[in-house]
Amino acid sequence: MGHHLDYQMLLKKDTMKQRNAIVANRESFHKGVSHRAAFNGFEYVAESYVAHRKGMKIDPQLAEMFNATSK
């Protein structure tokens, strides 16, 4: 589901720049998500989505984007 959200919702012209900036600055948050998230931006977004759904703390900007897509 996280990959689907990334491909269908966040990799669009109006959100891609913000999404890519978040991924580029993932250093502070990837450790709370997974080892794979440190090396792969797509995994970072997808696994952050799962963590967000579980109620774990993720990058607040990414959480805001996830919340905006669910409205």
C-alpha atoms as a PDB file:
ATOM      1  CA  MET A   1       0.000   0.000   0.000  1.00  0.00           C
ATOM      2  CA  GLY A   2       2.870   2.369   0.787  1.00  0.00           C
ATOM      3  CA  HIS A   3       4.415   1.913  -2.655  1.00  0.00           C
ATOM      4  CA  HIS A   4       1.033   2.429  -4.292  1.00  0.00           C
ATOM      5  CA  LEU A   5       0.543   5.676  -2.378  1.00  0.00           C
ATOM      6  CA  ASP A   6       3.999   6.869  -3.394  1.00  0.00           C
ATOM      7  CA  TYR A   7       3.595   6.017  -7.085  1.00  0.00           C
ATOM      8  CA  GLN A   8       0.004   7.156  -7.490  1.00  0.00           C
ATOM      9  CA  MET A   9      -0.228  10.134  -5.157  1.00  0.00           C
ATOM     10  CA  LEU A  10       3.175  11.573  -4.201  1.00  0.00           C
ATOM     11  CA  LEU A  11       5.065  11.226  -7.481  1.00  0.00           C
ATOM     12  CA  LYS A  12       2.818  13.736  -9.224  1.00  0.00           C
ATOM     13  CA  LYS A  13       3.867  17.102 -10.524  1.00  0.00           C
ATOM     14  CA  ASP A  14       2.364  19.087  -7.623  1.00  0.00           C
ATOM     15  CA  THR A  15       3.824  16.924  -4.809  1.00  0.00           C
ATOM     16  CA  MET A  16       7.001  15.451  -6.311  1.00  0.00           C
ATOM     17  CA  LYS A  17       9.299  18.341  -5.370  1.00  0.00           C
ATOM     18  CA  GLN A  18       8.200  18.252  -1.716  1.00  0.00           C
ATOM     19  CA  ARG A  19       8.348  14.433  -1.617  1.00  0.00           C
ATOM     20  CA  ASN A  20      11.856  14.378  -3.083  1.00  0.00           C
ATOM     21  CA  ALA A  21      13.087  17.013  -0.598  1.00  0.00           C
ATOM     22  CA  ILE A  22      11.742  14.932   2.289  1.00  0.00           C
ATOM     23  CA  VAL A  23      13.416  11.788   0.947  1.00  0.00           C
ATOM     24  CA  ALA A  24      16.711  13.631   0.428  1.00  0.00           C
ATOM     25  CA  ASN A  25      16.684  14.729   4.075  1.00  0.00           C
ATOM     26  CA  ARG A  26      15.598  11.397   5.577  1.00  0.00           C
ATOM     27  CA  GLU A  27      18.722  11.002   7.731  1.00  0.00           C
ATOM     28  CA  SER A  28      16.953  11.980  10.954  1.00  0.00           C
ATOM     29  CA  PHE A  29      14.004   9.647  10.468  1.00  0.00           C
ATOM     30  CA  HIS A  30      15.071   6.557   8.488  1.00  0.00           C
ATOM     31  CA  LYS A  31      16.481   4.792  11.562  1.00  0.00           C
ATOM     32  CA  GLY A  32      13.025   4.591  13.088  1.00  0.00           C
ATOM     33  CA  VAL A  33      11.633   3.051   9.909  1.00  0.00           C
ATOM     34  CA  SER A  34      14.073   0.404   8.623  1.00  0.00           C
ATOM     35  CA  HIS A  35      17.583  -0.319   7.420  1.00  0.00           C
ATOM     36  CA  ARG A  36      16.386  -0.457   3.793  1.00  0.00           C
ATOM     37  CA  ALA A  37      14.867   3.015   4.124  1.00  0.00           C
ATOM     38  CA  ALA A  38      18.348   4.468   4.621  1.00  0.00           C
ATOM     39  CA  PHE A  39      19.442   3.446   1.132  1.00  0.00           C
ATOM     40  CA  ASN A  40      16.301   3.625  -0.976  1.00  0.00           C
ATOM     41  CA  GLY A  41      13.930   6.580  -1.164  1.00  0.00           C
ATOM     42  CA  PHE A  42      11.042   4.471  -2.432  1.00  0.00           C
ATOM     43  CA  GLU A  43      11.416   2.098   0.512  1.00  0.00           C
ATOM     44  CA  TYR A  44      11.684   5.074   2.847  1.00  0.00           C
ATOM     45  CA  VAL A  45       8.305   6.425   1.736  1.00  0.00           C
ATOM     46  CA  ALA A  46       6.591   3.024   1.635  1.00  0.00           C
ATOM     47  CA  GLU A  47       7.898   1.863   5.003  1.00  0.00           C
ATOM     48  CA  SER A  48       7.211   5.251   6.562  1.00  0.00           C
ATOM     49  CA  TYR A  49       3.605   4.859   5.478  1.00  0.00           C
ATOM     50  CA  VAL A  50       3.382   1.515   7.283  1.00  0.00           C
ATOM     51  CA  ALA A  51       5.014   3.006  10.376  1.00  0.00           C
ATOM     52  CA  HIS A  52       2.589   5.947  10.246  1.00  0.00           C
ATOM     53  CA  ARG A  53      -0.391   3.599  10.058  1.00  0.00           C
ATOM     54  CA  LYS A  54       0.964   1.755  13.108  1.00  0.00           C
ATOM     55  CA  GLY A  55       1.123   5.046  15.027  1.00  0.00           C
ATOM     56  CA  MET A  56       4.906   5.310  15.038  1.00  0.00           C
ATOM     57  CA  LYS A  57       6.686   8.649  14.828  1.00  0.00           C
ATOM     58  CA  ILE A  58       7.818   9.527  11.298  1.00  0.00           C
ATOM     59  CA  ASP A  59       8.955  12.684   9.558  1.00  0.00           C
ATOM     60  CA  PRO A  60       6.158  15.196  10.291  1.00  0.00           C
ATOM     61  CA  GLN A  61       6.250  16.557   6.734  1.00  0.00           C
ATOM     62  CA  LEU A  62       5.781  13.070   5.317  1.00  0.00           C
ATOM     63  CA  ALA A  63       2.988  12.353   7.811  1.00  0.00           C
ATOM     64  CA  GLU A  64       1.287  15.546   6.652  1.00  0.00           C
ATOM     65  CA  MET A  65       1.485  14.396   3.035  1.00  0.00           C
ATOM     66  CA  PHE A  66       0.054  10.989   3.959  1.00  0.00           C
ATOM     67  CA  ASN A  67      -2.785  12.625   5.856  1.00  0.00           C
ATOM     68  CA  ALA A  68      -3.530  14.963   2.963  1.00  0.00           C
ATOM     69  CA  THR A  69      -3.842  12.069   0.521  1.00  0.00           C
ATOM     70  CA  SER A  70      -6.332  10.253   2.727  1.00  0.00           C
ATOM     71  CA  LYS A  71      -8.834  13.146   2.748  1.00  0.00           C
END
